[in-house]
Amino acid sequence: MTCIVGLKTTNGVILGGDSAASTWNTVRTLAYSKVFSKDGTLYGFTGTIRMGQLLRYSFQPPARDGQEVMAYLVTRWTDALRTTFKDAGFASKENEVERGGHFLIGYDRRLFHIEGNYQVFEASDGFDAVGSGEEYALGALHATAGEKPMDRVRIALDAAARFTPTVAPPYRIVFSGSSA
């Protein structure tokens, strides 16, 4: 499991992630990051490593062509994502419901949470988290309002790692704009 933390700032978006890769009885440290920037969009994934590999190396979002951000993400962007996941054999289907995975993106200076059912969610408080340490990270982000953005992200990841055995440093952090 994992913890991915996202924070919207006045200057952009910050995503931070841990480095644990775990099974029910083993935790390993990944040699690469679960958070990354690709073509101006930040990604932070949880769940299977395969999903993160597809986001990083296969997924090619279509051009936005001036469409409003939310409309673009829930239509053309999500359609391209679903196609990528299906073509790679990643998407699952049960009782006629298609499933992908959970991840955060920083897009156009906004923070979005993509749910397993491809729902696009944007929290009004400007922060979010996904993964097994999600609840601890959200609490830490709430409690550190007013602190420096990078400190808030690190504190949230520390809280998740302290109380969740499947979250572990080192932490990797990416940002858009001048979020640091």
N, C-alpha and C. Protein backbone atom coordinates (compact mmCIF):
# COMPACT_ATOMS: atom_id res chain seq x y z
N MET A 1 0.84 -1.18 0.00
CA MET A 1 0.00 0.00 0.00
C MET A 1 0.89 1.24 0.00
N THR A 2 0.31 2.35 0.35
CA THR A 2 1.09 3.58 0.20
C THR A 2 0.36 4.76 0.81
N CYS A 3 0.99 5.92 0.68
CA CYS A 3 0.32 7.17 0.96
C CYS A 3 0.81 8.21 -0.04
N ILE A 4 -0.14 8.79 -0.74
CA ILE A 4 0.13 9.91 -1.63
C ILE A 4 -0.61 11.11 -1.06
N VAL A 5 0.08 12.23 -0.95
CA VAL A 5 -0.46 13.45 -0.37
C VAL A 5 -0.43 14.54 -1.42
N GLY A 6 -1.52 15.28 -1.54
CA GLY A 6 -1.58 16.39 -2.48
C GLY A 6 -2.00 17.67 -1.78
N LEU A 7 -1.40 18.77 -2.17
CA LEU A 7 -1.70 20.07 -1.57
C LEU A 7 -1.70 21.14 -2.66
N LYS A 8 -2.80 21.86 -2.73
CA LYS A 8 -2.91 22.99 -3.66
C LYS A 8 -2.41 24.22 -2.92
N THR A 9 -1.54 24.97 -3.56
CA THR A 9 -1.01 26.19 -2.97
C THR A 9 -1.36 27.37 -3.87
N THR A 10 -1.01 28.55 -3.44
CA THR A 10 -1.26 29.73 -4.28
C THR A 10 -0.39 29.72 -5.52
N ASN A 11 0.69 28.93 -5.51
CA ASN A 11 1.62 28.91 -6.64
C ASN A 11 1.56 27.65 -7.48
N GLY A 12 0.76 26.67 -7.12
CA GLY A 12 0.71 25.42 -7.87
C GLY A 12 0.25 24.28 -6.99
N VAL A 13 0.70 23.09 -7.32
CA VAL A 13 0.32 21.87 -6.60
C VAL A 13 1.57 21.11 -6.19
N ILE A 14 1.52 20.52 -5.00
CA ILE A 14 2.59 19.65 -4.50
C ILE A 14 2.01 18.26 -4.32
N LEU A 15 2.73 17.25 -4.79
CA LEU A 15 2.39 15.86 -4.51
C LEU A 15 3.59 15.21 -3.84
N GLY A 16 3.31 14.45 -2.79
CA GLY A 16 4.36 13.71 -2.09
C GLY A 16 3.93 12.27 -1.93
N GLY A 17 4.89 11.38 -1.99
CA GLY A 17 4.58 9.96 -1.83
C GLY A 17 5.66 9.23 -1.08
N ASP A 18 5.27 8.12 -0.48
CA ASP A 18 6.23 7.27 0.21
C ASP A 18 6.88 6.32 -0.79
N SER A 19 7.69 5.39 -0.30
CA SER A 19 8.41 4.47 -1.18
C SER A 19 8.13 3.00 -0.89
N ALA A 20 7.11 2.70 -0.10
CA ALA A 20 6.83 1.31 0.26
C ALA A 20 6.08 0.58 -0.85
N ALA A 21 6.47 -0.67 -1.06
CA ALA A 21 5.73 -1.60 -1.90
C ALA A 21 5.49 -2.81 -1.00
N SER A 22 4.22 -3.13 -0.74
CA SER A 22 3.96 -4.14 0.28
C SER A 22 2.98 -5.21 -0.18
N THR A 23 3.11 -6.35 0.47
CA THR A 23 2.14 -7.43 0.38
C THR A 23 1.66 -7.64 1.80
N TRP A 24 0.91 -8.68 2.04
CA TRP A 24 0.38 -8.90 3.40
C TRP A 24 1.47 -9.15 4.42
N ASN A 25 2.67 -9.57 4.01
CA ASN A 25 3.71 -9.84 4.99
C ASN A 25 5.09 -9.29 4.64
N THR A 26 5.18 -8.49 3.58
CA THR A 26 6.48 -7.98 3.15
C THR A 26 6.36 -6.52 2.76
N VAL A 27 7.36 -5.73 3.15
CA VAL A 27 7.45 -4.34 2.69
C VAL A 27 8.82 -4.17 2.05
N ARG A 28 8.83 -3.67 0.83
CA ARG A 28 10.07 -3.40 0.10
C ARG A 28 10.12 -1.91 -0.22
N THR A 29 11.31 -1.39 -0.49
CA THR A 29 11.47 0.01 -0.86
C THR A 29 11.65 0.10 -2.37
N LEU A 30 10.79 0.89 -3.00
CA LEU A 30 10.87 1.07 -4.45
C LEU A 30 12.10 1.89 -4.83
N ALA A 31 12.66 1.56 -5.97
CA ALA A 31 13.81 2.31 -6.50
C ALA A 31 13.37 3.52 -7.30
N TYR A 32 12.09 3.66 -7.53
CA TYR A 32 11.56 4.79 -8.30
C TYR A 32 10.39 5.41 -7.55
N SER A 33 9.93 6.54 -8.05
CA SER A 33 8.94 7.34 -7.34
C SER A 33 7.51 7.01 -7.74
N LYS A 34 6.61 7.07 -6.76
CA LYS A 34 5.17 6.93 -7.01
C LYS A 34 4.54 8.28 -7.36
N VAL A 35 5.31 9.34 -7.29
CA VAL A 35 4.86 10.67 -7.71
C VAL A 35 5.79 11.14 -8.82
N PHE A 36 5.21 11.73 -9.86
CA PHE A 36 6.03 12.18 -10.98
C PHE A 36 5.29 13.25 -11.77
N SER A 37 6.04 13.94 -12.60
CA SER A 37 5.49 14.95 -13.49
C SER A 37 5.64 14.45 -14.92
N LYS A 38 4.56 14.59 -15.68
CA LYS A 38 4.59 14.18 -17.08
C LYS A 38 3.79 15.18 -17.90
N ASP A 39 4.44 15.83 -18.83
CA ASP A 39 3.78 16.78 -19.73
C ASP A 39 2.98 17.83 -18.98
N GLY A 40 3.52 18.34 -17.88
CA GLY A 40 2.88 19.41 -17.13
C GLY A 40 1.83 18.96 -16.13
N THR A 41 1.57 17.66 -16.03
CA THR A 41 0.62 17.12 -15.06
C THR A 41 1.38 16.33 -14.02
N LEU A 42 1.01 16.51 -12.75
CA LEU A 42 1.59 15.71 -11.67
C LEU A 42 0.71 14.49 -11.43
N TYR A 43 1.35 13.36 -11.16
CA TYR A 43 0.64 12.12 -10.86
C TYR A 43 1.19 11.53 -9.58
N GLY A 44 0.32 10.95 -8.76
CA GLY A 44 0.73 10.21 -7.57
C GLY A 44 -0.19 9.02 -7.43
N PHE A 45 0.34 7.81 -7.52
CA PHE A 45 -0.51 6.62 -7.56
C PHE A 45 -0.36 5.74 -6.33
N THR A 46 -1.42 5.01 -6.06
CA THR A 46 -1.46 4.02 -5.01
C THR A 46 -2.03 2.74 -5.60
N GLY A 47 -1.96 1.66 -4.86
CA GLY A 47 -2.46 0.40 -5.38
C GLY A 47 -1.37 -0.32 -6.14
N THR A 48 -1.70 -0.83 -7.30
CA THR A 48 -0.73 -1.64 -8.03
C THR A 48 0.32 -0.78 -8.72
N ILE A 49 1.51 -1.29 -8.75
CA ILE A 49 2.60 -0.62 -9.44
C ILE A 49 2.31 -0.55 -10.94
N ARG A 50 1.61 -1.55 -11.45
CA ARG A 50 1.27 -1.58 -12.87
C ARG A 50 0.49 -0.33 -13.28
N MET A 51 -0.44 0.12 -12.46
CA MET A 51 -1.19 1.31 -12.80
C MET A 51 -0.25 2.51 -12.94
N GLY A 52 0.68 2.65 -12.00
CA GLY A 52 1.63 3.76 -12.07
C GLY A 52 2.50 3.69 -13.32
N GLN A 53 2.88 2.48 -13.71
CA GLN A 53 3.67 2.32 -14.94
C GLN A 53 2.87 2.73 -16.16
N LEU A 54 1.59 2.37 -16.19
CA LEU A 54 0.74 2.77 -17.32
C LEU A 54 0.54 4.28 -17.36
N LEU A 55 0.33 4.90 -16.20
CA LEU A 55 0.18 6.36 -16.16
C LEU A 55 1.45 7.04 -16.67
N ARG A 56 2.59 6.53 -16.26
CA ARG A 56 3.86 7.16 -16.62
C ARG A 56 4.27 6.91 -18.07
N TYR A 57 4.10 5.68 -18.55
CA TYR A 57 4.69 5.31 -19.83
C TYR A 57 3.71 5.08 -20.98
N SER A 58 2.43 4.87 -20.70
CA SER A 58 1.47 4.57 -21.76
C SER A 58 0.41 5.65 -21.96
N PHE A 59 -0.09 6.20 -20.89
CA PHE A 59 -1.21 7.13 -20.97
C PHE A 59 -0.82 8.41 -21.70
N GLN A 60 -1.58 8.73 -22.74
CA GLN A 60 -1.38 9.96 -23.51
C GLN A 60 -2.69 10.74 -23.53
N PRO A 61 -2.85 11.71 -22.64
CA PRO A 61 -4.11 12.47 -22.62
C PRO A 61 -4.32 13.22 -23.93
N PRO A 62 -5.58 13.34 -24.36
CA PRO A 62 -5.87 14.12 -25.56
C PRO A 62 -5.71 15.61 -25.28
N ALA A 63 -5.62 16.39 -26.32
CA ALA A 63 -5.54 17.84 -26.17
C ALA A 63 -6.83 18.37 -25.55
N ARG A 64 -6.70 19.37 -24.72
CA ARG A 64 -7.86 19.95 -24.04
C ARG A 64 -8.65 20.88 -24.95
N ASP A 65 -7.96 21.55 -25.84
CA ASP A 65 -8.60 22.44 -26.82
C ASP A 65 -9.57 23.44 -26.20
N GLY A 66 -9.16 24.07 -25.10
CA GLY A 66 -9.94 25.13 -24.48
C GLY A 66 -11.14 24.69 -23.66
N GLN A 67 -11.35 23.40 -23.55
CA GLN A 67 -12.48 22.90 -22.76
C GLN A 67 -12.26 23.23 -21.29
N GLU A 68 -13.34 23.51 -20.56
CA GLU A 68 -13.25 23.77 -19.12
C GLU A 68 -12.60 22.56 -18.45
N VAL A 69 -11.78 22.80 -17.42
CA VAL A 69 -10.94 21.75 -16.82
C VAL A 69 -11.76 20.54 -16.35
N MET A 70 -12.77 20.75 -15.54
CA MET A 70 -13.53 19.61 -15.01
C MET A 70 -14.23 18.86 -16.14
N ALA A 71 -14.83 19.57 -17.07
CA ALA A 71 -15.49 18.92 -18.20
C ALA A 71 -14.50 18.07 -18.99
N TYR A 72 -13.31 18.60 -19.22
CA TYR A 72 -12.27 17.87 -19.93
C TYR A 72 -11.87 16.60 -19.18
N LEU A 73 -11.62 16.73 -17.88
CA LEU A 73 -11.17 15.58 -17.10
C LEU A 73 -12.21 14.47 -17.03
N VAL A 74 -13.49 14.81 -16.88
CA VAL A 74 -14.51 13.77 -16.73
C VAL A 74 -14.97 13.20 -18.07
N THR A 75 -14.56 13.80 -19.18
CA THR A 75 -14.98 13.27 -20.48
C THR A 75 -13.77 12.77 -21.26
N ARG A 76 -13.17 13.59 -22.06
CA ARG A 76 -12.11 13.16 -22.98
C ARG A 76 -10.90 12.57 -22.26
N TRP A 77 -10.48 13.20 -21.17
CA TRP A 77 -9.31 12.71 -20.43
C TRP A 77 -9.59 11.33 -19.85
N THR A 78 -10.75 11.18 -19.19
CA THR A 78 -11.11 9.89 -18.58
C THR A 78 -11.34 8.82 -19.65
N ASP A 79 -11.92 9.18 -20.77
CA ASP A 79 -12.11 8.20 -21.85
C ASP A 79 -10.76 7.67 -22.33
N ALA A 80 -9.77 8.55 -22.47
CA ALA A 80 -8.42 8.12 -22.88
C ALA A 80 -7.78 7.24 -21.81
N LEU A 81 -7.98 7.59 -20.56
CA LEU A 81 -7.44 6.79 -19.45
C LEU A 81 -8.05 5.39 -19.45
N ARG A 82 -9.36 5.30 -19.58
CA ARG A 82 -10.04 4.00 -19.61
C ARG A 82 -9.53 3.15 -20.77
N THR A 83 -9.35 3.75 -21.92
CA THR A 83 -8.83 3.02 -23.08
C THR A 83 -7.43 2.49 -22.80
N THR A 84 -6.58 3.33 -22.21
CA THR A 84 -5.22 2.89 -21.88
C THR A 84 -5.26 1.70 -20.94
N PHE A 85 -6.06 1.80 -19.87
CA PHE A 85 -6.14 0.72 -18.89
C PHE A 85 -6.70 -0.56 -19.51
N LYS A 86 -7.75 -0.44 -20.34
CA LYS A 86 -8.34 -1.62 -20.97
C LYS A 86 -7.37 -2.27 -21.94
N ASP A 87 -6.72 -1.45 -22.79
CA ASP A 87 -5.80 -2.00 -23.79
C ASP A 87 -4.62 -2.72 -23.15
N ALA A 88 -4.23 -2.29 -21.97
CA ALA A 88 -3.10 -2.90 -21.27
C ALA A 88 -3.53 -4.06 -20.36
N GLY A 89 -4.83 -4.35 -20.33
CA GLY A 89 -5.31 -5.44 -19.50
C GLY A 89 -5.36 -5.11 -18.03
N PHE A 90 -5.33 -3.84 -17.69
CA PHE A 90 -5.33 -3.43 -16.29
C PHE A 90 -6.75 -3.25 -15.73
N ALA A 91 -7.63 -2.62 -16.49
CA ALA A 91 -8.99 -2.36 -16.00
C ALA A 91 -9.71 -3.67 -15.73
N SER A 92 -10.50 -3.69 -14.67
CA SER A 92 -11.28 -4.89 -14.36
C SER A 92 -12.76 -4.56 -14.52
N LYS A 93 -13.56 -5.60 -14.68
CA LYS A 93 -15.00 -5.40 -14.83
C LYS A 93 -15.70 -6.49 -14.04
N GLU A 94 -16.59 -6.07 -13.14
CA GLU A 94 -17.36 -6.99 -12.33
C GLU A 94 -18.79 -6.47 -12.24
N ASN A 95 -19.77 -7.33 -12.52
CA ASN A 95 -21.18 -6.94 -12.54
C ASN A 95 -21.39 -5.72 -13.43
N GLU A 96 -20.72 -5.71 -14.57
CA GLU A 96 -20.82 -4.66 -15.57
C GLU A 96 -20.31 -3.30 -15.08
N VAL A 97 -19.55 -3.28 -13.98
CA VAL A 97 -18.95 -2.05 -13.48
C VAL A 97 -17.45 -2.12 -13.74
N GLU A 98 -16.93 -1.16 -14.46
CA GLU A 98 -15.51 -1.11 -14.80
C GLU A 98 -14.74 -0.40 -13.69
N ARG A 99 -13.56 -0.91 -13.36
CA ARG A 99 -12.74 -0.34 -12.29
C ARG A 99 -11.32 -0.07 -12.80
N GLY A 100 -10.78 1.03 -12.34
CA GLY A 100 -9.39 1.38 -12.61
C GLY A 100 -8.63 1.38 -11.29
N GLY A 101 -8.16 2.52 -10.87
CA GLY A 101 -7.44 2.63 -9.61
C GLY A 101 -7.54 4.03 -9.05
N HIS A 102 -6.97 4.22 -7.86
CA HIS A 102 -7.01 5.52 -7.17
C HIS A 102 -5.68 6.24 -7.35
N PHE A 103 -5.76 7.52 -7.67
CA PHE A 103 -4.55 8.33 -7.75
C PHE A 103 -4.91 9.81 -7.70
N LEU A 104 -3.91 10.62 -7.43
CA LEU A 104 -4.07 12.07 -7.43
C LEU A 104 -3.37 12.65 -8.64
N ILE A 105 -3.93 13.74 -9.15
CA ILE A 105 -3.23 14.49 -10.19
C ILE A 105 -3.25 15.98 -9.84
N GLY A 106 -2.20 16.65 -10.23
CA GLY A 106 -2.14 18.10 -10.20
C GLY A 106 -2.23 18.56 -11.64
N TYR A 107 -3.32 19.24 -11.97
CA TYR A 107 -3.54 19.65 -13.35
C TYR A 107 -4.05 21.09 -13.37
N ASP A 108 -3.42 21.92 -14.17
CA ASP A 108 -3.83 23.31 -14.34
C ASP A 108 -3.96 24.03 -12.99
N ARG A 109 -2.94 23.79 -12.12
CA ARG A 109 -2.85 24.42 -10.80
C ARG A 109 -3.97 24.00 -9.84
N ARG A 110 -4.61 22.86 -10.14
CA ARG A 110 -5.67 22.31 -9.29
C ARG A 110 -5.33 20.87 -8.93
N LEU A 111 -5.92 20.40 -7.83
CA LEU A 111 -5.67 19.06 -7.31
C LEU A 111 -6.92 18.21 -7.47
N PHE A 112 -6.76 17.03 -8.09
CA PHE A 112 -7.88 16.13 -8.34
C PHE A 112 -7.57 14.73 -7.84
N HIS A 113 -8.60 14.06 -7.40
CA HIS A 113 -8.53 12.67 -6.93
C HIS A 113 -9.33 11.84 -7.93
N ILE A 114 -8.67 10.88 -8.57
CA ILE A 114 -9.34 10.00 -9.52
C ILE A 114 -9.66 8.71 -8.76
N GLU A 115 -10.94 8.39 -8.68
CA GLU A 115 -11.41 7.22 -7.95
C GLU A 115 -11.33 5.97 -8.83
N GLY A 116 -11.48 4.82 -8.21
CA GLY A 116 -11.44 3.56 -8.93
C GLY A 116 -12.53 3.41 -9.97
N ASN A 117 -13.64 4.14 -9.81
CA ASN A 117 -14.72 4.09 -10.80
C ASN A 117 -14.60 5.23 -11.82
N TYR A 118 -13.43 5.85 -11.87
CA TYR A 118 -13.10 6.94 -12.79
C TYR A 118 -13.78 8.26 -12.44
N GLN A 119 -14.36 8.35 -11.27
CA GLN A 119 -14.92 9.61 -10.79
C GLN A 119 -13.78 10.60 -10.58
N VAL A 120 -14.00 11.84 -10.95
CA VAL A 120 -13.02 12.91 -10.73
C VAL A 120 -13.53 13.77 -9.59
N PHE A 121 -12.74 13.86 -8.52
CA PHE A 121 -13.14 14.56 -7.30
C PHE A 121 -12.15 15.68 -7.02
N GLU A 122 -12.66 16.85 -6.65
CA GLU A 122 -11.82 17.99 -6.26
C GLU A 122 -12.31 18.48 -4.90
N ALA A 123 -11.47 18.33 -3.89
CA ALA A 123 -11.85 18.75 -2.53
C ALA A 123 -11.81 20.27 -2.40
N SER A 124 -12.76 20.81 -1.68
CA SER A 124 -12.85 22.26 -1.52
C SER A 124 -11.78 22.82 -0.59
N ASP A 125 -11.19 21.97 0.26
CA ASP A 125 -10.19 22.47 1.20
C ASP A 125 -8.77 22.50 0.64
N GLY A 126 -8.57 22.07 -0.60
CA GLY A 126 -7.28 22.22 -1.25
C GLY A 126 -6.23 21.18 -0.89
N PHE A 127 -6.62 20.11 -0.23
CA PHE A 127 -5.67 19.02 0.02
C PHE A 127 -6.40 17.69 -0.08
N ASP A 128 -5.61 16.63 -0.30
CA ASP A 128 -6.20 15.30 -0.42
C ASP A 128 -5.09 14.27 -0.18
N ALA A 129 -5.51 13.03 -0.02
CA ALA A 129 -4.58 11.93 0.15
C ALA A 129 -5.25 10.65 -0.30
N VAL A 130 -4.46 9.69 -0.73
CA VAL A 130 -4.95 8.37 -1.10
C VAL A 130 -3.99 7.32 -0.56
N GLY A 131 -4.51 6.12 -0.39
CA GLY A 131 -3.69 5.00 0.05
C GLY A 131 -3.98 4.58 1.47
N SER A 132 -3.21 3.63 1.96
CA SER A 132 -3.46 3.07 3.28
C SER A 132 -3.23 4.06 4.41
N GLY A 133 -2.45 5.09 4.18
CA GLY A 133 -2.21 6.11 5.20
C GLY A 133 -3.05 7.36 5.02
N GLU A 134 -4.06 7.27 4.17
CA GLU A 134 -4.89 8.42 3.80
C GLU A 134 -5.46 9.18 5.00
N GLU A 135 -6.07 8.48 5.94
CA GLU A 135 -6.75 9.15 7.05
C GLU A 135 -5.77 9.93 7.92
N TYR A 136 -4.61 9.34 8.19
CA TYR A 136 -3.61 10.03 9.02
C TYR A 136 -3.06 11.26 8.29
N ALA A 137 -2.83 11.12 6.99
CA ALA A 137 -2.32 12.24 6.20
C ALA A 137 -3.33 13.37 6.14
N LEU A 138 -4.61 13.04 5.95
CA LEU A 138 -5.64 14.08 5.90
C LEU A 138 -5.72 14.83 7.23
N GLY A 139 -5.65 14.10 8.34
CA GLY A 139 -5.67 14.74 9.65
C GLY A 139 -4.49 15.67 9.84
N ALA A 140 -3.31 15.22 9.41
CA ALA A 140 -2.11 16.05 9.54
C ALA A 140 -2.21 17.29 8.65
N LEU A 141 -2.72 17.15 7.45
CA LEU A 141 -2.88 18.31 6.57
C LEU A 141 -3.85 19.32 7.17
N HIS A 142 -4.92 18.84 7.74
CA HIS A 142 -5.88 19.73 8.40
C HIS A 142 -5.23 20.45 9.59
N ALA A 143 -4.50 19.70 10.40
CA ALA A 143 -3.91 20.26 11.62
C ALA A 143 -2.76 21.23 11.36
N THR A 144 -2.18 21.18 10.17
CA THR A 144 -1.02 22.03 9.88
C THR A 144 -1.36 23.23 9.00
N ALA A 145 -2.63 23.56 8.88
CA ALA A 145 -3.02 24.75 8.11
C ALA A 145 -2.22 25.94 8.61
N GLY A 146 -1.68 26.72 7.70
CA GLY A 146 -0.89 27.88 8.08
C GLY A 146 0.61 27.63 8.06
N GLU A 147 1.01 26.36 8.06
CA GLU A 147 2.43 26.01 7.97
C GLU A 147 2.90 26.11 6.52
N LYS A 148 4.21 26.05 6.29
CA LYS A 148 4.76 26.07 4.95
C LYS A 148 4.28 24.82 4.19
N PRO A 149 3.91 24.99 2.91
CA PRO A 149 3.36 23.86 2.15
C PRO A 149 4.23 22.60 2.13
N MET A 150 5.52 22.74 1.87
CA MET A 150 6.38 21.55 1.83
C MET A 150 6.46 20.88 3.19
N ASP A 151 6.45 21.67 4.26
CA ASP A 151 6.45 21.09 5.61
C ASP A 151 5.17 20.31 5.86
N ARG A 152 4.05 20.85 5.40
CA ARG A 152 2.76 20.16 5.59
C ARG A 152 2.76 18.79 4.90
N VAL A 153 3.30 18.73 3.70
CA VAL A 153 3.35 17.47 2.96
C VAL A 153 4.23 16.46 3.69
N ARG A 154 5.39 16.90 4.14
CA ARG A 154 6.30 15.98 4.87
C ARG A 154 5.68 15.51 6.19
N ILE A 155 5.04 16.41 6.91
CA ILE A 155 4.40 16.05 8.18
C ILE A 155 3.28 15.04 7.93
N ALA A 156 2.50 15.24 6.88
CA ALA A 156 1.42 14.31 6.55
C ALA A 156 1.97 12.93 6.22
N LEU A 157 3.05 12.87 5.46
CA LEU A 157 3.67 11.58 5.13
C LEU A 157 4.27 10.93 6.38
N ASP A 158 4.88 11.73 7.24
CA ASP A 158 5.42 11.21 8.50
C ASP A 158 4.31 10.61 9.37
N ALA A 159 3.17 11.29 9.46
CA ALA A 159 2.05 10.79 10.26
C ALA A 159 1.55 9.47 9.69
N ALA A 160 1.42 9.39 8.38
CA ALA A 160 0.96 8.15 7.75
C ALA A 160 1.95 7.02 8.01
N ALA A 161 3.24 7.30 7.90
CA ALA A 161 4.26 6.26 8.12
C ALA A 161 4.31 5.83 9.58
N ARG A 162 4.05 6.75 10.49
CA ARG A 162 4.09 6.43 11.92
C ARG A 162 2.99 5.45 12.32
N PHE A 163 1.82 5.58 11.71
CA PHE A 163 0.67 4.79 12.14
C PHE A 163 0.21 3.73 11.14
N THR A 164 0.86 3.64 9.99
CA THR A 164 0.48 2.66 8.97
C THR A 164 1.71 1.84 8.59
N PRO A 165 1.70 0.53 8.83
CA PRO A 165 2.89 -0.27 8.56
C PRO A 165 3.23 -0.42 7.08
N THR A 166 2.33 -0.02 6.20
CA THR A 166 2.57 -0.14 4.76
C THR A 166 2.95 1.19 4.11
N VAL A 167 3.36 2.14 4.91
CA VAL A 167 3.83 3.45 4.42
C VAL A 167 5.22 3.66 5.00
N ALA A 168 6.20 3.99 4.13
CA ALA A 168 7.58 4.12 4.61
C ALA A 168 8.36 5.12 3.77
N PRO A 169 9.31 5.82 4.43
CA PRO A 169 10.22 6.69 3.68
C PRO A 169 11.19 5.83 2.86
N PRO A 170 11.95 6.43 1.97
CA PRO A 170 12.06 7.87 1.75
C PRO A 170 10.85 8.43 1.03
N TYR A 171 10.62 9.72 1.27
CA TYR A 171 9.52 10.42 0.61
C TYR A 171 10.05 11.11 -0.63
N ARG A 172 9.22 11.13 -1.61
CA ARG A 172 9.57 11.84 -2.85
C ARG A 172 8.48 12.88 -3.09
N ILE A 173 8.89 14.07 -3.49
CA ILE A 173 7.96 15.20 -3.63
C ILE A 173 8.19 15.86 -4.98
N VAL A 174 7.09 16.14 -5.68
CA VAL A 174 7.14 16.89 -6.93
C VAL A 174 6.17 18.06 -6.81
N PHE A 175 6.42 19.10 -7.60
CA PHE A 175 5.52 20.25 -7.55
C PHE A 175 5.46 20.93 -8.89
N SER A 176 4.35 21.60 -9.11
CA SER A 176 4.16 22.43 -10.31
C SER A 176 4.21 23.88 -9.85
N GLY A 177 4.58 24.76 -10.75
CA GLY A 177 4.70 26.16 -10.38
C GLY A 177 5.87 26.35 -9.42
N SER A 178 5.76 27.33 -8.55
CA SER A 178 6.81 27.57 -7.56
C SER A 178 6.25 27.25 -6.18
N SER A 179 5.78 26.01 -6.01
CA SER A 179 5.08 25.59 -4.80
C SER A 179 5.98 25.44 -3.59
N ALA A 180 7.26 25.33 -3.78
CA ALA A 180 8.16 25.08 -2.65
C ALA A 180 8.18 26.25 -1.72
